[in-house]
Structure formats: structure tokens, C-alpha cells
């Protein structure tokens, strides 16, 4: 019998990973500072120009002198690593 590989659905939180505003992460494409996290699906779809987008991250590549902000919708993977944490996802009430 051949074992079956089951792929569990990823949650939005898992897909975004630790990319919160202020975070800096790096991968093979560059080193990116997170400027904004968009979790409204309609706004994310507009930013990414994809109907099925559920979220988007606005980043700028800190290794490029022009550093023009742009939107990304790629999921967090093992090839991404965090260099600096960003702001917490929420602030507890006093």
C-alpha cells in the first residue's frame, strides 16, 4: 500500500508568517521591510491584481537604492527568515 500524503489547509496567519509592519525579513529575492499588512480581501485583490487574494504585504527592498514599495502575496516559507520583528498583530487593552 502506498502511503497517502495529506496536505492540511494553511491559515492566513500561517501564510503571512511574522510579517508585521516594521518587520524586516530576507530571502533569495532580497531584504524587505514590511510597511503595511492588508487583510481585507478586496483591498488585497486590488493591490495584487488577483481576484483570489485574501491578504497582501506592502514591502520595500532595503538592498535596492530606489526602494520603491510594492505588494507581495507570497506565503511565508522556510527560505524566508526574520531579521527584525515588527509591531504586534494587536495591542492588549489596558
N, C-alpha and C. Protein backbone atom coordinates (compact mmCIF):
# COMPACT_ATOMS: atom_id res chain seq x y z
N UNK A 1 0.84 -1.17 0.00
CA UNK A 1 0.00 0.00 0.00
C UNK A 1 0.89 1.24 0.00
N UNK A 2 0.56 2.21 -0.85
CA UNK A 2 1.31 3.45 -0.95
C UNK A 2 0.76 4.43 0.08
N UNK A 3 1.65 5.02 0.89
CA UNK A 3 1.15 5.98 1.88
C UNK A 3 0.58 7.23 1.21
N UNK A 4 -0.46 7.76 1.79
CA UNK A 4 -1.12 8.95 1.26
C UNK A 4 -0.56 10.18 1.96
N UNK A 5 -0.21 11.17 1.18
CA UNK A 5 0.25 12.44 1.73
C UNK A 5 -0.95 13.35 1.85
N UNK A 6 -1.18 13.84 3.05
CA UNK A 6 -2.30 14.74 3.28
C UNK A 6 -1.75 16.14 3.49
N UNK A 7 -2.23 17.07 2.70
CA UNK A 7 -1.83 18.46 2.85
C UNK A 7 -2.93 19.19 3.60
N UNK A 8 -2.57 19.73 4.76
CA UNK A 8 -3.54 20.46 5.56
C UNK A 8 -3.67 21.89 5.03
N UNK A 9 -4.87 22.44 5.08
CA UNK A 9 -5.03 23.81 4.60
C UNK A 9 -4.26 24.79 5.48
N UNK A 10 -3.65 25.77 4.84
CA UNK A 10 -2.89 26.77 5.58
C UNK A 10 -3.83 27.89 5.99
N UNK A 11 -3.64 28.39 7.17
CA UNK A 11 -4.43 29.53 7.60
C UNK A 11 -3.77 30.81 7.11
N UNK A 12 -4.51 31.87 7.10
CA UNK A 12 -3.97 33.16 6.67
C UNK A 12 -2.78 33.54 7.54
N UNK A 13 -2.89 33.31 8.83
CA UNK A 13 -1.80 33.62 9.76
C UNK A 13 -0.53 32.86 9.40
N UNK A 14 -0.66 31.58 9.05
CA UNK A 14 0.50 30.78 8.64
C UNK A 14 1.09 31.30 7.33
N UNK A 15 0.24 31.71 6.41
CA UNK A 15 0.70 32.20 5.12
C UNK A 15 1.47 33.51 5.25
N UNK A 16 0.98 34.40 6.11
CA UNK A 16 1.63 35.70 6.31
C UNK A 16 2.92 35.54 7.10
N UNK A 17 2.92 34.62 8.06
CA UNK A 17 4.10 34.42 8.90
C UNK A 17 4.31 35.61 9.82
N UNK A 18 5.55 35.93 10.15
CA UNK A 18 5.83 37.03 11.08
C UNK A 18 5.91 38.40 10.42
N UNK A 19 5.37 38.52 9.23
CA UNK A 19 5.47 39.80 8.50
C UNK A 19 4.42 40.78 9.01
N UNK A 20 4.83 41.57 9.99
CA UNK A 20 4.00 42.64 10.54
C UNK A 20 4.69 43.97 10.22
N UNK A 21 3.96 45.08 10.20
CA UNK A 21 4.60 46.37 9.92
C UNK A 21 5.82 46.60 10.82
N UNK A 22 6.91 46.99 10.18
CA UNK A 22 8.16 47.22 10.90
C UNK A 22 9.12 46.05 10.84
N UNK A 23 8.63 44.87 10.49
CA UNK A 23 9.49 43.68 10.41
C UNK A 23 10.42 43.79 9.20
N UNK A 24 11.58 43.16 9.33
CA UNK A 24 12.49 43.04 8.19
C UNK A 24 12.78 41.56 8.04
N UNK A 25 12.63 41.07 6.81
CA UNK A 25 12.91 39.66 6.53
C UNK A 25 13.72 39.56 5.25
N UNK A 26 14.35 38.43 5.08
CA UNK A 26 15.21 38.22 3.91
C UNK A 26 14.92 36.87 3.30
N UNK A 27 15.09 36.81 1.97
CA UNK A 27 15.03 35.55 1.23
C UNK A 27 15.92 35.71 0.00
N UNK A 28 15.86 34.80 -0.93
CA UNK A 28 16.74 34.85 -2.10
C UNK A 28 16.45 36.06 -3.00
N UNK A 29 15.28 36.65 -2.86
CA UNK A 29 14.91 37.79 -3.70
C UNK A 29 15.39 39.13 -3.15
N UNK A 30 15.73 39.21 -1.88
CA UNK A 30 16.17 40.47 -1.29
C UNK A 30 15.92 40.54 0.20
N UNK A 31 16.11 41.74 0.74
CA UNK A 31 15.84 42.01 2.16
C UNK A 31 14.73 43.05 2.20
N UNK A 32 13.65 42.73 2.88
CA UNK A 32 12.43 43.53 2.79
C UNK A 32 11.98 44.06 4.14
N UNK A 33 11.60 45.33 4.14
CA UNK A 33 10.97 45.93 5.30
C UNK A 33 9.47 45.96 5.04
N UNK A 34 8.70 45.47 6.00
CA UNK A 34 7.24 45.45 5.85
C UNK A 34 6.70 46.82 6.23
N UNK A 35 6.02 47.44 5.29
CA UNK A 35 5.43 48.76 5.51
C UNK A 35 3.97 48.67 5.94
N UNK A 36 3.25 47.69 5.40
CA UNK A 36 1.83 47.54 5.71
C UNK A 36 1.40 46.10 5.49
N UNK A 37 0.42 45.68 6.26
CA UNK A 37 -0.20 44.36 6.11
C UNK A 37 -1.67 44.59 5.80
N UNK A 38 -2.13 44.10 4.68
CA UNK A 38 -3.52 44.28 4.25
C UNK A 38 -4.24 42.95 4.39
N UNK A 39 -5.25 42.91 5.24
CA UNK A 39 -6.00 41.66 5.44
C UNK A 39 -7.43 41.74 4.90
N UNK A 40 -7.80 42.88 4.34
CA UNK A 40 -9.10 42.99 3.69
C UNK A 40 -8.98 42.37 2.30
N UNK A 41 -9.71 41.28 2.01
CA UNK A 41 -9.56 40.60 0.72
C UNK A 41 -9.79 41.48 -0.50
N UNK A 42 -10.72 42.42 -0.42
CA UNK A 42 -10.97 43.28 -1.59
C UNK A 42 -9.79 44.21 -1.86
N UNK A 43 -9.25 44.80 -0.79
CA UNK A 43 -8.10 45.69 -0.98
C UNK A 43 -6.86 44.89 -1.41
N UNK A 44 -6.68 43.69 -0.82
CA UNK A 44 -5.54 42.84 -1.20
C UNK A 44 -5.64 42.45 -2.67
N UNK A 45 -6.84 42.12 -3.13
CA UNK A 45 -7.03 41.75 -4.54
C UNK A 45 -6.68 42.92 -5.46
N UNK A 46 -7.02 44.13 -5.06
CA UNK A 46 -6.67 45.30 -5.86
C UNK A 46 -5.16 45.50 -5.89
N UNK A 47 -4.52 45.41 -4.74
CA UNK A 47 -3.08 45.63 -4.67
C UNK A 47 -2.30 44.60 -5.49
N UNK A 48 -2.73 43.35 -5.43
CA UNK A 48 -2.02 42.26 -6.12
C UNK A 48 -2.54 42.00 -7.53
N UNK A 49 -3.66 42.63 -7.87
CA UNK A 49 -4.30 42.42 -9.18
C UNK A 49 -4.63 40.94 -9.40
N UNK A 50 -5.16 40.32 -8.32
CA UNK A 50 -5.58 38.91 -8.35
C UNK A 50 -6.92 38.80 -7.64
N UNK A 51 -7.89 38.23 -8.28
CA UNK A 51 -9.22 38.12 -7.68
C UNK A 51 -9.24 37.28 -6.42
N UNK A 52 -8.44 36.25 -6.35
CA UNK A 52 -8.50 35.33 -5.22
C UNK A 52 -7.64 35.72 -4.02
N UNK A 53 -7.01 36.89 -4.04
CA UNK A 53 -6.12 37.29 -2.94
C UNK A 53 -6.93 37.51 -1.66
N UNK A 54 -6.39 37.02 -0.56
CA UNK A 54 -7.02 37.22 0.75
C UNK A 54 -6.25 38.21 1.60
N UNK A 55 -4.99 38.41 1.28
CA UNK A 55 -4.14 39.33 2.03
C UNK A 55 -2.98 39.78 1.14
N UNK A 56 -2.33 40.86 1.54
CA UNK A 56 -1.16 41.36 0.82
C UNK A 56 -0.23 42.04 1.83
N UNK A 57 1.04 42.05 1.52
CA UNK A 57 2.03 42.73 2.34
C UNK A 57 2.71 43.77 1.45
N UNK A 58 2.75 45.01 1.92
CA UNK A 58 3.45 46.07 1.20
C UNK A 58 4.86 46.14 1.78
N UNK A 59 5.85 45.97 0.91
CA UNK A 59 7.25 45.93 1.34
C UNK A 59 8.10 46.86 0.48
N UNK A 60 9.31 47.12 0.97
CA UNK A 60 10.33 47.76 0.14
C UNK A 60 11.62 47.01 0.35
N UNK A 61 12.36 46.83 -0.72
CA UNK A 61 13.63 46.10 -0.68
C UNK A 61 14.70 47.05 -0.15
N UNK A 62 15.23 46.75 1.02
CA UNK A 62 16.22 47.63 1.64
C UNK A 62 17.60 47.51 1.00
N UNK A 63 17.80 46.55 0.13
CA UNK A 63 19.08 46.40 -0.56
C UNK A 63 19.15 47.20 -1.85
N UNK A 64 18.01 47.70 -2.30
CA UNK A 64 17.97 48.48 -3.55
C UNK A 64 17.97 49.96 -3.22
N UNK A 65 18.76 50.74 -3.91
CA UNK A 65 18.81 52.17 -3.61
C UNK A 65 17.49 52.89 -3.87
N UNK A 66 16.71 52.43 -4.86
CA UNK A 66 15.43 53.10 -5.14
C UNK A 66 14.38 52.73 -4.10
N UNK A 67 14.38 51.50 -3.59
CA UNK A 67 13.49 51.06 -2.52
C UNK A 67 12.03 51.41 -2.72
N UNK A 68 11.50 51.24 -3.91
CA UNK A 68 10.11 51.56 -4.20
C UNK A 68 9.20 50.50 -3.58
N UNK A 69 8.21 50.91 -2.76
CA UNK A 69 7.30 49.94 -2.15
C UNK A 69 6.47 49.21 -3.21
N UNK A 70 6.20 47.93 -2.92
CA UNK A 70 5.35 47.12 -3.80
C UNK A 70 4.65 46.06 -2.97
N UNK A 71 3.61 45.49 -3.53
CA UNK A 71 2.80 44.48 -2.84
C UNK A 71 3.29 43.08 -3.18
N UNK A 72 3.29 42.21 -2.16
CA UNK A 72 3.58 40.79 -2.37
C UNK A 72 2.48 39.96 -1.73
N UNK A 73 2.28 38.79 -2.29
CA UNK A 73 1.26 37.88 -1.77
C UNK A 73 1.80 36.47 -1.63
N UNK A 74 3.12 36.34 -1.62
CA UNK A 74 3.72 35.01 -1.49
C UNK A 74 3.68 34.56 -0.04
N UNK A 75 3.47 33.28 0.17
CA UNK A 75 3.38 32.74 1.53
C UNK A 75 4.76 32.66 2.17
N UNK A 76 4.77 32.70 3.49
CA UNK A 76 6.00 32.57 4.27
C UNK A 76 6.48 31.12 4.15
N UNK A 77 7.76 30.94 3.81
CA UNK A 77 8.31 29.59 3.66
C UNK A 77 9.57 29.43 4.48
N UNK A 78 10.16 28.26 4.43
CA UNK A 78 11.39 28.00 5.16
C UNK A 78 12.58 28.73 4.54
N UNK A 79 12.45 29.27 3.33
CA UNK A 79 13.54 30.04 2.73
C UNK A 79 13.50 31.51 3.16
N UNK A 80 12.44 31.92 3.86
CA UNK A 80 12.36 33.28 4.41
C UNK A 80 12.86 33.25 5.85
N UNK A 81 13.59 34.28 6.25
CA UNK A 81 13.95 34.34 7.66
C UNK A 81 13.87 35.77 8.17
N UNK A 82 13.44 35.86 9.41
CA UNK A 82 13.18 37.14 10.04
C UNK A 82 14.46 37.74 10.60
N UNK A 83 14.71 39.00 10.26
CA UNK A 83 15.87 39.71 10.79
C UNK A 83 15.48 40.64 11.94
N UNK A 84 14.27 41.21 11.86
CA UNK A 84 13.77 42.09 12.92
C UNK A 84 12.26 41.92 13.03
N UNK A 85 11.78 41.76 14.26
CA UNK A 85 10.34 41.64 14.47
C UNK A 85 9.65 42.97 14.25
N UNK A 86 8.41 42.88 13.82
CA UNK A 86 7.60 44.07 13.63
C UNK A 86 6.69 44.31 14.82
N UNK A 87 5.75 45.21 14.64
CA UNK A 87 4.78 45.52 15.67
C UNK A 87 3.90 44.30 15.92
N UNK A 88 3.39 44.15 17.14
CA UNK A 88 2.50 43.02 17.40
C UNK A 88 1.22 43.15 16.56
N UNK A 89 0.60 42.00 16.31
CA UNK A 89 -0.62 41.97 15.50
C UNK A 89 -1.75 42.73 16.18
N UNK A 90 -1.72 42.80 17.51
CA UNK A 90 -2.73 43.53 18.26
C UNK A 90 -2.10 44.03 19.55
N UNK A 91 -2.73 45.01 20.15
CA UNK A 91 -2.25 45.53 21.42
C UNK A 91 -3.32 45.24 22.46
N UNK A 92 -2.95 44.55 23.56
CA UNK A 92 -3.95 44.23 24.58
C UNK A 92 -4.53 45.50 25.22
N UNK A 93 -5.80 45.44 25.58
CA UNK A 93 -6.44 46.58 26.23
C UNK A 93 -5.90 46.75 27.64
N UNK A 94 -5.90 47.97 28.11
CA UNK A 94 -5.37 48.27 29.46
C UNK A 94 -6.35 47.84 30.52
